[in-house]
């Protein structure tokens, strides 16, 4: 990849996507579908760029899982996440209003009069704390059964961002957005945060050889996040931040690769869940019902099985 493109592609995608979303909102007067249109346009562009400037050429040549990942994009991630936002976010906002009224506050503490970029920055840090906590919990032995699907591919590319089990997606969205709802964050800042998360997720998993230099120790971009998908637990049990690495630094889970690349990606055992969508959806429940000696439980564990 040309050096100029390598440096500029991330900020162009993020800032350009946020600006386009805001402009479309001002034009249409509604956020419904606006962010999704922008994210899908960026996804299509990244799919083409990956074939021109791949980080790993063999990853760009393998397209056998795209149909599977498109299903999880629309159903597991967008569908379940949108359903939660539609049903649970208003309830959490109402509960927050009751809470602050009971405490004698006329208004929720959210700084709604601040400029939107500042509100977005505050929202990002609040959401990242919940996202970091839920991501670490999803790497515990029992919850990893639902998160294993995301780690199962032996490569990362832009659609990997949405390869999530629905329960994984709902837990992650709930942990990130519920605190914001309780604090009284408005719909505009929540919509922009959703666009930011979607665009960053695409770039975070993109098979592009881009570089951010010192910012790679602040933002969880591709060169850092690929190590989180490593089969080596010394590399994978780190860098849990979804967008920021501030909480990884704070809690001691930050690992900066310093120019290296992971040797192998995927689950520790080297096995992957079934490529059949229905099996991928039900396998965590089957594994939970199995004994610790059963193969499915071992296969979906984030840690290697111990030899006697």
C-alpha atoms as a PDB file:
ATOM      1  CA  UNK A   1       0.000   0.000   0.000  1.00  0.00           C
ATOM      2  CA  UNK A   2       1.236   3.493  -0.815  1.00  0.00           C
ATOM      3  CA  UNK A   3       2.518   5.232   2.295  1.00  0.00           C
ATOM      4  CA  UNK A   4       0.128   8.162   1.903  1.00  0.00           C
ATOM      5  CA  UNK A   5      -2.861   5.817   1.584  1.00  0.00           C
ATOM      6  CA  UNK A   6      -1.648   3.719   4.518  1.00  0.00           C
ATOM      7  CA  UNK A   7      -1.588   6.759   6.793  1.00  0.00           C
ATOM      8  CA  UNK A   8      -4.744   8.491   5.576  1.00  0.00           C
ATOM      9  CA  UNK A   9      -7.231   5.678   4.991  1.00  0.00           C
ATOM     10  CA  UNK A  10      -8.327   5.297   8.633  1.00  0.00           C
ATOM     11  CA  UNK A  11      -8.966   8.996   9.375  1.00  0.00           C
ATOM     12  CA  UNK A  12     -10.645   9.448   5.981  1.00  0.00           C
ATOM     13  CA  UNK A  13     -13.027   6.539   6.636  1.00  0.00           C
ATOM     14  CA  UNK A  14     -13.848   7.574  10.219  1.00  0.00           C
ATOM     15  CA  UNK A  15     -14.102  11.341   9.813  1.00  0.00           C
ATOM     16  CA  UNK A  16     -15.634  11.084   6.348  1.00  0.00           C
ATOM     17  CA  UNK A  17     -18.234   8.578   7.531  1.00  0.00           C
ATOM     18  CA  UNK A  18     -19.216  10.639  10.559  1.00  0.00           C
ATOM     19  CA  UNK A  19     -19.425  13.817   8.473  1.00  0.00           C
ATOM     20  CA  UNK A  20     -21.512  12.086   5.793  1.00  0.00           C
ATOM     21  CA  UNK A  21     -23.861  10.685   8.438  1.00  0.00           C
ATOM     22  CA  UNK A  22     -24.338  14.098  10.028  1.00  0.00           C
ATOM     23  CA  UNK A  23     -24.944  15.719   6.636  1.00  0.00           C
ATOM     24  CA  UNK A  24     -27.503  13.062   5.676  1.00  0.00           C
ATOM     25  CA  UNK A  25     -29.239  13.526   9.007  1.00  0.00           C
ATOM     26  CA  UNK A  26     -29.474  17.275   8.475  1.00  0.00           C
ATOM     27  CA  UNK A  27     -30.827  16.654   4.981  1.00  0.00           C
ATOM     28  CA  UNK A  28     -33.357  13.937   5.804  1.00  0.00           C
ATOM     29  CA  UNK A  29     -34.255  15.012   9.334  1.00  0.00           C
ATOM     30  CA  UNK A  30     -34.059  11.445  10.636  1.00  0.00           C
ATOM     31  CA  UNK A  31     -31.386   9.018  11.756  1.00  0.00           C
ATOM     32  CA  UNK A  32     -33.363   5.971  10.588  1.00  0.00           C
ATOM     33  CA  UNK A  33     -31.174   4.103   8.135  1.00  0.00           C
ATOM     34  CA  UNK A  34     -28.696   6.980   7.709  1.00  0.00           C
ATOM     35  CA  UNK A  35     -25.811   5.373   9.581  1.00  0.00           C
ATOM     36  CA  UNK A  36     -26.495   1.994   8.012  1.00  0.00           C
ATOM     37  CA  UNK A  37     -26.270   3.460   4.502  1.00  0.00           C
ATOM     38  CA  UNK A  38     -22.903   5.051   5.284  1.00  0.00           C
ATOM     39  CA  UNK A  39     -21.509   1.898   6.927  1.00  0.00           C
ATOM     40  CA  UNK A  40     -22.611  -0.319   4.034  1.00  0.00           C
ATOM     41  CA  UNK A  41     -21.049   2.066   1.497  1.00  0.00           C
ATOM     42  CA  UNK A  42     -17.748   1.919   3.394  1.00  0.00           C
ATOM     43  CA  UNK A  43     -17.969  -1.889   3.636  1.00  0.00           C
ATOM     44  CA  UNK A  44     -18.363  -2.204  -0.140  1.00  0.00           C
ATOM     45  CA  UNK A  45     -15.378   0.091  -0.676  1.00  0.00           C
ATOM     46  CA  UNK A  46     -13.224  -1.849   1.813  1.00  0.00           C
ATOM     47  CA  UNK A  47     -14.060  -5.119   0.102  1.00  0.00           C
ATOM     48  CA  UNK A  48     -12.528  -3.748  -3.083  1.00  0.00           C
ATOM     49  CA  UNK A  49      -9.546  -2.129  -1.347  1.00  0.00           C
ATOM     50  CA  UNK A  50      -8.663  -5.381   0.416  1.00  0.00           C
ATOM     51  CA  UNK A  51      -8.159  -7.074  -2.931  1.00  0.00           C
ATOM     52  CA  UNK A  52      -5.870  -4.274  -4.093  1.00  0.00           C
ATOM     53  CA  UNK A  53      -3.835  -3.592  -0.934  1.00  0.00           C
ATOM     54  CA  UNK A  54      -4.153  -6.673   1.310  1.00  0.00           C
ATOM     55  CA  UNK A  55      -2.243  -7.041   4.555  1.00  0.00           C
ATOM     56  CA  UNK A  56      -2.130 -10.773   3.833  1.00  0.00           C
ATOM     57  CA  UNK A  57      -2.786 -11.762   0.212  1.00  0.00           C
ATOM     58  CA  UNK A  58      -3.983 -15.304   1.026  1.00  0.00           C
ATOM     59  CA  UNK A  59      -6.753 -13.821   3.202  1.00  0.00           C
ATOM     60  CA  UNK A  60      -7.985 -11.777   0.239  1.00  0.00           C
ATOM     61  CA  UNK A  61      -8.129 -14.835  -2.013  1.00  0.00           C
ATOM     62  CA  UNK A  62     -10.319 -16.850   0.383  1.00  0.00           C
ATOM     63  CA  UNK A  63     -13.948 -15.812  -0.144  1.00  0.00           C
ATOM     64  CA  UNK A  64     -15.673 -19.014   0.953  1.00  0.00           C
ATOM     65  CA  UNK A  65     -17.040 -17.533   4.203  1.00  0.00           C
ATOM     66  CA  UNK A  66     -18.509 -14.291   2.847  1.00  0.00           C
ATOM     67  CA  UNK A  67     -22.103 -15.587   2.586  1.00  0.00           C
ATOM     68  CA  UNK A  68     -21.902 -16.866   6.168  1.00  0.00           C
ATOM     69  CA  UNK A  69     -20.539 -13.567   7.422  1.00  0.00           C
ATOM     70  CA  UNK A  70     -23.171 -11.571   5.517  1.00  0.00           C
ATOM     71  CA  UNK A  71     -25.846 -13.544   7.351  1.00  0.00           C
ATOM     72  CA  UNK A  72     -24.281 -12.709  10.702  1.00  0.00           C
ATOM     73  CA  UNK A  73     -23.914  -9.081   9.622  1.00  0.00           C
ATOM     74  CA  UNK A  74     -27.630  -8.664   8.966  1.00  0.00           C
ATOM     75  CA  UNK A  75     -29.143 -11.050  11.509  1.00  0.00           C
ATOM     76  CA  UNK A  76     -26.709 -11.603  14.366  1.00  0.00           C
ATOM     77  CA  UNK A  77     -25.199  -8.127  14.619  1.00  0.00           C
ATOM     78  CA  UNK A  78     -27.427  -5.530  12.932  1.00  0.00           C
ATOM     79  CA  UNK A  79     -30.668  -7.381  13.667  1.00  0.00           C
ATOM     80  CA  UNK A  80     -30.124  -8.275  17.307  1.00  0.00           C
ATOM     81  CA  UNK A  81     -28.340  -5.014  18.077  1.00  0.00           C
ATOM     82  CA  UNK A  82     -31.126  -2.938  16.513  1.00  0.00           C
ATOM     83  CA  UNK A  83     -33.782  -4.961  18.319  1.00  0.00           C
ATOM     84  CA  UNK A  84     -32.067  -4.315  21.651  1.00  0.00           C
ATOM     85  CA  UNK A  85     -31.693  -0.605  20.907  1.00  0.00           C
ATOM     86  CA  UNK A  86     -35.356  -0.360  19.898  1.00  0.00           C
ATOM     87  CA  UNK A  87     -36.784  -2.219  22.880  1.00  0.00           C
ATOM     88  CA  UNK A  88     -34.321  -1.809  25.728  1.00  0.00           C
ATOM     89  CA  UNK A  89     -32.758   1.616  25.190  1.00  0.00           C
ATOM     90  CA  UNK A  90     -36.025   3.571  25.687  1.00  0.00           C
ATOM     91  CA  UNK A  91     -36.738   1.513  28.807  1.00  0.00           C
ATOM     92  CA  UNK A  92     -33.264   2.247  30.182  1.00  0.00           C
ATOM     93  CA  UNK A  93     -33.697   5.951  29.381  1.00  0.00           C
ATOM     94  CA  UNK A  94     -37.030   6.010  31.224  1.00  0.00           C
ATOM     95  CA  UNK A  95     -35.484   4.180  34.174  1.00  0.00           C
ATOM     96  CA  UNK A  96     -32.656   6.718  34.227  1.00  0.00           C
ATOM     97  CA  UNK A  97     -35.180   9.553  34.296  1.00  0.00           C
ATOM     98  CA  UNK A  98     -36.958   7.993  37.258  1.00  0.00           C
ATOM     99  CA  UNK A  99     -33.637   7.455  39.017  1.00  0.00           C
ATOM    100  CA  UNK A 100     -32.502  11.053  38.673  1.00  0.00           C
ATOM    101  CA  UNK A 101     -35.946  12.334  39.695  1.00  0.00           C
ATOM    102  CA  UNK A 102     -35.795  10.178  42.819  1.00  0.00           C
ATOM    103  CA  UNK A 103     -32.398  11.685  43.607  1.00  0.00           C
ATOM    104  CA  UNK A 104     -33.895  15.148  43.350  1.00  0.00           C
ATOM    105  CA  UNK A 105     -32.303  16.091  40.033  1.00  0.00           C
ATOM    106  CA  UNK A 106     -34.473  17.895  37.492  1.00  0.00           C
ATOM    107  CA  UNK A 107     -32.445  16.645  34.561  1.00  0.00           C
ATOM    108  CA  UNK A 108     -30.198  13.671  33.830  1.00  0.00           C
ATOM    109  CA  UNK A 109     -26.490  14.529  34.143  1.00  0.00           C
ATOM    110  CA  UNK A 110     -25.740  14.132  30.451  1.00  0.00           C
ATOM    111  CA  UNK A 111     -24.037  17.327  29.082  1.00  0.00           C
ATOM    112  CA  UNK A 112     -26.586  17.810  26.282  1.00  0.00           C
ATOM    113  CA  UNK A 113     -25.651  21.494  25.815  1.00  0.00           C
ATOM    114  CA  UNK A 114     -22.036  20.685  24.951  1.00  0.00           C
ATOM    115  CA  UNK A 115     -20.911  20.663  21.303  1.00  0.00           C
ATOM    116  CA  UNK A 116     -21.718  17.366  19.582  1.00  0.00           C
ATOM    117  CA  UNK A 117     -18.035  16.367  19.028  1.00  0.00           C
ATOM    118  CA  UNK A 118     -17.406  16.713  22.783  1.00  0.00           C
ATOM    119  CA  UNK A 119     -20.556  14.753  23.616  1.00  0.00           C
ATOM    120  CA  UNK A 120     -19.428  12.035  21.216  1.00  0.00           C
ATOM    121  CA  UNK A 121     -16.016  11.877  22.890  1.00  0.00           C
ATOM    122  CA  UNK A 122     -17.614  11.568  26.345  1.00  0.00           C
ATOM    123  CA  UNK A 123     -20.037   8.921  25.061  1.00  0.00           C
ATOM    124  CA  UNK A 124     -17.152   6.987  23.539  1.00  0.00           C
ATOM    125  CA  UNK A 125     -15.287   6.748  26.840  1.00  0.00           C
ATOM    126  CA  UNK A 126     -18.418   5.714  28.765  1.00  0.00           C
ATOM    127  CA  UNK A 127     -19.360   3.097  26.164  1.00  0.00           C
ATOM    128  CA  UNK A 128     -15.798   1.779  25.988  1.00  0.00           C
ATOM    129  CA  UNK A 129     -15.722   1.050  29.717  1.00  0.00           C
ATOM    130  CA  UNK A 130     -18.823  -1.134  29.422  1.00  0.00           C
ATOM    131  CA  UNK A 131     -17.539  -2.643  26.182  1.00  0.00           C
ATOM    132  CA  UNK A 132     -14.158  -3.458  27.717  1.00  0.00           C
ATOM    133  CA  UNK A 133     -15.787  -5.126  30.738  1.00  0.00           C
ATOM    134  CA  UNK A 134     -18.183  -7.194  28.622  1.00  0.00           C
ATOM    135  CA  UNK A 135     -15.400  -8.220  26.225  1.00  0.00           C
ATOM    136  CA  UNK A 136     -13.270  -9.525  29.073  1.00  0.00           C
ATOM    137  CA  UNK A 137     -16.269 -11.401  30.474  1.00  0.00           C
ATOM    138  CA  UNK A 138     -16.922 -12.902  27.033  1.00  0.00           C
ATOM    139  CA  UNK A 139     -13.418 -14.393  27.233  1.00  0.00           C
ATOM    140  CA  UNK A 140     -14.278 -16.256  30.427  1.00  0.00           C
ATOM    141  CA  UNK A 141     -14.726 -19.994  29.987  1.00  0.00           C
ATOM    142  CA  UNK A 142     -18.523 -20.111  29.991  1.00  0.00           C
ATOM    143  CA  UNK A 143     -19.316 -16.969  28.024  1.00  0.00           C
ATOM    144  CA  UNK A 144     -16.584 -17.649  25.471  1.00  0.00           C
ATOM    145  CA  UNK A 145     -18.900 -20.302  24.021  1.00  0.00           C
ATOM    146  CA  UNK A 146     -20.887 -17.422  22.533  1.00  0.00           C
ATOM    147  CA  UNK A 147     -17.815 -15.372  21.604  1.00  0.00           C
ATOM    148  CA  UNK A 148     -15.906 -18.255  19.983  1.00  0.00           C
ATOM    149  CA  UNK A 149     -17.721 -17.735  16.692  1.00  0.00           C
ATOM    150  CA  UNK A 150     -16.054 -14.349  16.312  1.00  0.00           C
ATOM    151  CA  UNK A 151     -12.604 -15.852  16.895  1.00  0.00           C
ATOM    152  CA  UNK A 152     -13.099 -18.979  14.806  1.00  0.00           C
ATOM    153  CA  UNK A 153     -11.767 -17.760  11.402  1.00  0.00           C
ATOM    154  CA  UNK A 154      -8.091 -18.275  10.636  1.00  0.00           C
ATOM    155  CA  UNK A 155      -7.944 -14.805   9.071  1.00  0.00           C
ATOM    156  CA  UNK A 156      -9.395 -11.347   9.655  1.00  0.00           C
ATOM    157  CA  UNK A 157     -11.088  -9.228   7.019  1.00  0.00           C
ATOM    158  CA  UNK A 158     -13.699  -6.477   7.067  1.00  0.00           C
ATOM    159  CA  UNK A 159     -16.769  -8.733   7.459  1.00  0.00           C
ATOM    160  CA  UNK A 160     -15.253 -10.466  10.509  1.00  0.00           C
ATOM    161  CA  UNK A 161     -16.368  -7.439  12.490  1.00  0.00           C
ATOM    162  CA  UNK A 162     -19.960  -8.680  12.308  1.00  0.00           C
ATOM    163  CA  UNK A 163     -19.384 -12.426  12.749  1.00  0.00           C
ATOM    164  CA  UNK A 164     -20.960 -12.592  16.180  1.00  0.00           C
ATOM    165  CA  UNK A 165     -23.422 -14.870  17.901  1.00  0.00           C
ATOM    166  CA  UNK A 166     -26.656 -12.924  18.616  1.00  0.00           C
ATOM    167  CA  UNK A 167     -26.196 -13.332  22.376  1.00  0.00           C
ATOM    168  CA  UNK A 168     -22.629 -12.041  22.049  1.00  0.00           C
ATOM    169  CA  UNK A 169     -23.919  -9.033  20.083  1.00  0.00           C
ATOM    170  CA  UNK A 170     -26.707  -8.250  22.556  1.00  0.00           C
ATOM    171  CA  UNK A 171     -24.407  -8.506  25.588  1.00  0.00           C
ATOM    172  CA  UNK A 172     -21.866  -6.201  23.952  1.00  0.00           C
ATOM    173  CA  UNK A 173     -24.449  -3.617  22.868  1.00  0.00           C
ATOM    174  CA  UNK A 174     -26.170  -3.709  26.263  1.00  0.00           C
ATOM    175  CA  UNK A 175     -22.931  -3.175  28.166  1.00  0.00           C
ATOM    176  CA  UNK A 176     -21.929  -0.263  25.927  1.00  0.00           C
ATOM    177  CA  UNK A 177     -25.219   1.610  25.590  1.00  0.00           C
ATOM    178  CA  UNK A 178     -27.173   1.005  28.814  1.00  0.00           C
ATOM    179  CA  UNK A 179     -24.932   3.316  30.911  1.00  0.00           C
ATOM    180  CA  UNK A 180     -25.416   6.048  28.307  1.00  0.00           C
ATOM    181  CA  UNK A 181     -29.188   5.592  28.411  1.00  0.00           C
ATOM    182  CA  UNK A 182     -29.191   5.829  32.208  1.00  0.00           C
ATOM    183  CA  UNK A 183     -27.122   9.013  32.020  1.00  0.00           C
ATOM    184  CA  UNK A 184     -29.611  10.569  29.593  1.00  0.00           C
ATOM    185  CA  UNK A 185     -27.593  10.612  26.371  1.00  0.00           C
ATOM    186  CA  UNK A 186     -29.670  11.818  23.420  1.00  0.00           C
ATOM    187  CA  UNK A 187     -30.543  10.005  20.224  1.00  0.00           C
ATOM    188  CA  UNK A 188     -28.173  12.023  18.043  1.00  0.00           C
ATOM    189  CA  UNK A 189     -25.056  11.231  20.031  1.00  0.00           C
ATOM    190  CA  UNK A 190     -26.108   7.573  20.264  1.00  0.00           C
ATOM    191  CA  UNK A 191     -26.606   7.409  16.493  1.00  0.00           C
ATOM    192  CA  UNK A 192     -23.202   8.966  15.818  1.00  0.00           C
ATOM    193  CA  UNK A 193     -21.593   6.592  18.296  1.00  0.00           C
ATOM    194  CA  UNK A 194     -23.193   3.680  16.455  1.00  0.00           C
ATOM    195  CA  UNK A 195     -21.787   4.937  13.145  1.00  0.00           C
ATOM    196  CA  UNK A 196     -18.348   5.376  14.710  1.00  0.00           C
ATOM    197  CA  UNK A 197     -18.430   1.848  16.170  1.00  0.00           C
ATOM    198  CA  UNK A 198     -19.529   0.356  12.852  1.00  0.00           C
ATOM    199  CA  UNK A 199     -16.898   2.153  10.793  1.00  0.00           C
ATOM    200  CA  UNK A 200     -14.145   1.397  13.282  1.00  0.00           C
ATOM    201  CA  UNK A 201     -15.140  -2.277  13.436  1.00  0.00           C
ATOM    202  CA  UNK A 202     -14.774  -2.550   9.665  1.00  0.00           C
ATOM    203  CA  UNK A 203     -11.347  -0.910   9.748  1.00  0.00           C
ATOM    204  CA  UNK A 204     -10.273  -2.851  12.829  1.00  0.00           C
ATOM    205  CA  UNK A 205     -10.765  -6.162  11.024  1.00  0.00           C
ATOM    206  CA  UNK A 206      -9.919  -4.997   7.503  1.00  0.00           C
ATOM    207  CA  UNK A 207      -7.274  -6.963   5.624  1.00  0.00           C
ATOM    208  CA  UNK A 208      -5.452  -3.720   4.816  1.00  0.00           C
ATOM    209  CA  UNK A 209      -1.812  -2.924   5.523  1.00  0.00           C
ATOM    210  CA  UNK A 210      -2.471   0.542   6.949  1.00  0.00           C
ATOM    211  CA  UNK A 211      -0.500   2.199   9.752  1.00  0.00           C
ATOM    212  CA  UNK A 212      -1.350   4.767  12.434  1.00  0.00           C
ATOM    213  CA  UNK A 213       2.075   5.012  14.047  1.00  0.00           C
ATOM    214  CA  UNK A 214       1.899   6.141  17.713  1.00  0.00           C
ATOM    215  CA  UNK A 215      -1.917   6.186  17.561  1.00  0.00           C
ATOM    216  CA  UNK A 216      -1.878   2.367  17.410  1.00  0.00           C
ATOM    217  CA  UNK A 217      -1.173   2.468  21.160  1.00  0.00           C
ATOM    218  CA  UNK A 218      -4.341   4.552  21.669  1.00  0.00           C
ATOM    219  CA  UNK A 219      -6.780   3.109  19.120  1.00  0.00           C
ATOM    220  CA  UNK A 220      -7.598  -0.592  18.731  1.00  0.00           C
ATOM    221  CA  UNK A 221      -6.852  -0.717  15.022  1.00  0.00           C
ATOM    222  CA  UNK A 222      -5.863  -3.627  12.792  1.00  0.00           C
ATOM    223  CA  UNK A 223      -2.179  -3.860  13.626  1.00  0.00           C
ATOM    224  CA  UNK A 224      -3.083  -4.212  17.335  1.00  0.00           C
ATOM    225  CA  UNK A 225      -6.372  -6.095  17.100  1.00  0.00           C
ATOM    226  CA  UNK A 226      -5.008  -8.902  14.916  1.00  0.00           C
ATOM    227  CA  UNK A 227      -3.048 -10.085  17.939  1.00  0.00           C
ATOM    228  CA  UNK A 228      -6.325 -10.386  19.855  1.00  0.00           C
ATOM    229  CA  UNK A 229      -7.331 -13.008  17.256  1.00  0.00           C
ATOM    230  CA  UNK A 230      -4.076 -14.955  17.680  1.00  0.00           C
ATOM    231  CA  UNK A 231      -4.068 -18.634  18.621  1.00  0.00           C
ATOM    232  CA  UNK A 232      -1.308 -17.793  21.112  1.00  0.00           C
ATOM    233  CA  UNK A 233      -3.055 -16.888  24.382  1.00  0.00           C
ATOM    234  CA  UNK A 234      -0.150 -14.689  25.415  1.00  0.00           C
ATOM    235  CA  UNK A 235      -1.197 -12.455  22.535  1.00  0.00           C
ATOM    236  CA  UNK A 236      -4.959 -13.090  22.423  1.00  0.00           C
ATOM    237  CA  UNK A 237      -5.795 -12.418  26.078  1.00  0.00           C
ATOM    238  CA  UNK A 238      -5.136  -8.699  25.615  1.00  0.00           C
ATOM    239  CA  UNK A 239      -6.331  -5.605  23.728  1.00  0.00           C
ATOM    240  CA  UNK A 240      -9.997  -5.965  24.725  1.00  0.00           C
ATOM    241  CA  UNK A 241     -10.947  -2.378  23.885  1.00  0.00           C
ATOM    242  CA  UNK A 242     -13.418  -2.062  21.045  1.00  0.00           C
ATOM    243  CA  UNK A 243     -12.261   1.350  19.823  1.00  0.00           C
ATOM    244  CA  UNK A 244      -9.938   2.754  22.475  1.00  0.00           C
ATOM    245  CA  UNK A 245      -7.083   1.061  24.326  1.00  0.00           C
ATOM    246  CA  UNK A 246      -7.309   3.378  27.330  1.00  0.00           C
ATOM    247  CA  UNK A 247      -8.848   0.736  29.609  1.00  0.00           C
ATOM    248  CA  UNK A 248      -6.401  -1.913  28.417  1.00  0.00           C
ATOM    249  CA  UNK A 249      -3.627   0.433  29.481  1.00  0.00           C
ATOM    250  CA  UNK A 250      -5.380   1.188  32.773  1.00  0.00           C
ATOM    251  CA  UNK A 251      -6.015  -2.466  33.682  1.00  0.00           C
ATOM    252  CA  UNK A 252      -2.766  -3.896  32.337  1.00  0.00           C
ATOM    253  CA  UNK A 253      -4.066  -5.806  29.312  1.00  0.00           C
ATOM    254  CA  UNK A 254      -2.431  -3.696  26.604  1.00  0.00           C
ATOM    255  CA  UNK A 255      -0.055  -5.489  24.209  1.00  0.00           C
ATOM    256  CA  UNK A 256       1.498  -3.419  21.428  1.00  0.00           C
ATOM    257  CA  UNK A 257       2.998  -5.671  18.716  1.00  0.00           C
ATOM    258  CA  UNK A 258       5.927  -3.349  17.862  1.00  0.00           C
ATOM    259  CA  UNK A 259       5.989  -4.232  14.185  1.00  0.00           C
ATOM    260  CA  UNK A 260       5.442  -7.987  14.581  1.00  0.00           C
ATOM    261  CA  UNK A 261       2.511  -9.954  13.197  1.00  0.00           C
ATOM    262  CA  UNK A 262       0.744 -12.966  14.746  1.00  0.00           C
ATOM    263  CA  UNK A 263       1.804 -16.299  13.278  1.00  0.00           C
ATOM    264  CA  UNK A 264      -1.579 -18.051  13.439  1.00  0.00           C
ATOM    265  CA  UNK A 265      -5.131 -16.817  13.954  1.00  0.00           C
ATOM    266  CA  UNK A 266      -8.219 -18.641  15.207  1.00  0.00           C
ATOM    267  CA  UNK A 267      -9.206 -20.742  18.211  1.00  0.00           C
ATOM    268  CA  UNK A 268      -6.497 -22.150  20.475  1.00  0.00           C
ATOM    269  CA  UNK A 269      -7.378 -25.739  19.633  1.00  0.00           C
ATOM    270  CA  UNK A 270      -7.130 -25.002  15.928  1.00  0.00           C
ATOM    271  CA  UNK A 271     -10.712 -26.216  15.469  1.00  0.00           C
ATOM    272  CA  UNK A 272     -13.565 -24.005  14.335  1.00  0.00           C
ATOM    273  CA  UNK A 273     -17.324 -24.162  14.865  1.00  0.00           C
ATOM    274  CA  UNK A 274     -19.346 -25.693  12.065  1.00  0.00           C
ATOM    275  CA  UNK A 275     -19.660 -23.668   8.870  1.00  0.00           C
ATOM    276  CA  UNK A 276     -23.412 -24.311   8.967  1.00  0.00           C
ATOM    277  CA  UNK A 277     -25.232 -21.250  10.265  1.00  0.00           C
ATOM    278  CA  UNK A 278     -27.798 -23.138  12.353  1.00  0.00           C
ATOM    279  CA  UNK A 279     -25.055 -25.167  13.994  1.00  0.00           C
ATOM    280  CA  UNK A 280     -23.129 -21.998  14.764  1.00  0.00           C
ATOM    281  CA  UNK A 281     -26.196 -20.565  16.494  1.00  0.00           C
ATOM    282  CA  UNK A 282     -27.009 -23.613  18.635  1.00  0.00           C
ATOM    283  CA  UNK A 283     -23.511 -24.978  19.370  1.00  0.00           C
ATOM    284  CA  UNK A 284     -22.897 -22.737  22.420  1.00  0.00           C
ATOM    285  CA  UNK A 285     -26.004 -24.180  24.090  1.00  0.00           C
ATOM    286  CA  UNK A 286     -24.979 -27.731  23.244  1.00  0.00           C
ATOM    287  CA  UNK A 287     -21.507 -27.068  24.620  1.00  0.00           C
ATOM    288  CA  UNK A 288     -22.983 -25.631  27.824  1.00  0.00           C
ATOM    289  CA  UNK A 289     -24.991 -28.841  28.341  1.00  0.00           C
ATOM    290  CA  UNK A 290     -21.961 -31.045  27.710  1.00  0.00           C
ATOM    291  CA  UNK A 291     -19.615 -32.148  30.475  1.00  0.00           C
ATOM    292  CA  UNK A 292     -16.138 -30.637  30.722  1.00  0.00           C
ATOM    293  CA  UNK A 293     -14.753 -33.849  29.218  1.00  0.00           C
ATOM    294  CA  UNK A 294     -16.800 -33.549  26.034  1.00  0.00           C
ATOM    295  CA  UNK A 295     -15.157 -32.422  22.827  1.00  0.00           C
ATOM    296  CA  UNK A 296     -17.512 -29.483  22.067  1.00  0.00           C
ATOM    297  CA  UNK A 297     -16.748 -27.892  25.426  1.00  0.00           C
ATOM    298  CA  UNK A 298     -13.025 -28.236  24.871  1.00  0.00           C
ATOM    299  CA  UNK A 299     -13.283 -27.025  21.306  1.00  0.00           C
ATOM    300  CA  UNK A 300     -15.048 -23.794  22.277  1.00  0.00           C
ATOM    301  CA  UNK A 301     -12.910 -23.082  25.312  1.00  0.00           C
ATOM    302  CA  UNK A 302     -10.645 -20.023  25.106  1.00  0.00           C
ATOM    303  CA  UNK A 303      -7.923 -21.972  26.877  1.00  0.00           C
ATOM    304  CA  UNK A 304      -6.159 -25.153  25.761  1.00  0.00           C
ATOM    305  CA  UNK A 305      -7.264 -28.368  27.399  1.00  0.00           C
ATOM    306  CA  UNK A 306      -4.864 -29.630  30.052  1.00  0.00           C
ATOM    307  CA  UNK A 307      -3.188 -32.957  29.608  1.00  0.00           C
ATOM    308  CA  UNK A 308      -3.269 -35.320  32.618  1.00  0.00           C
END
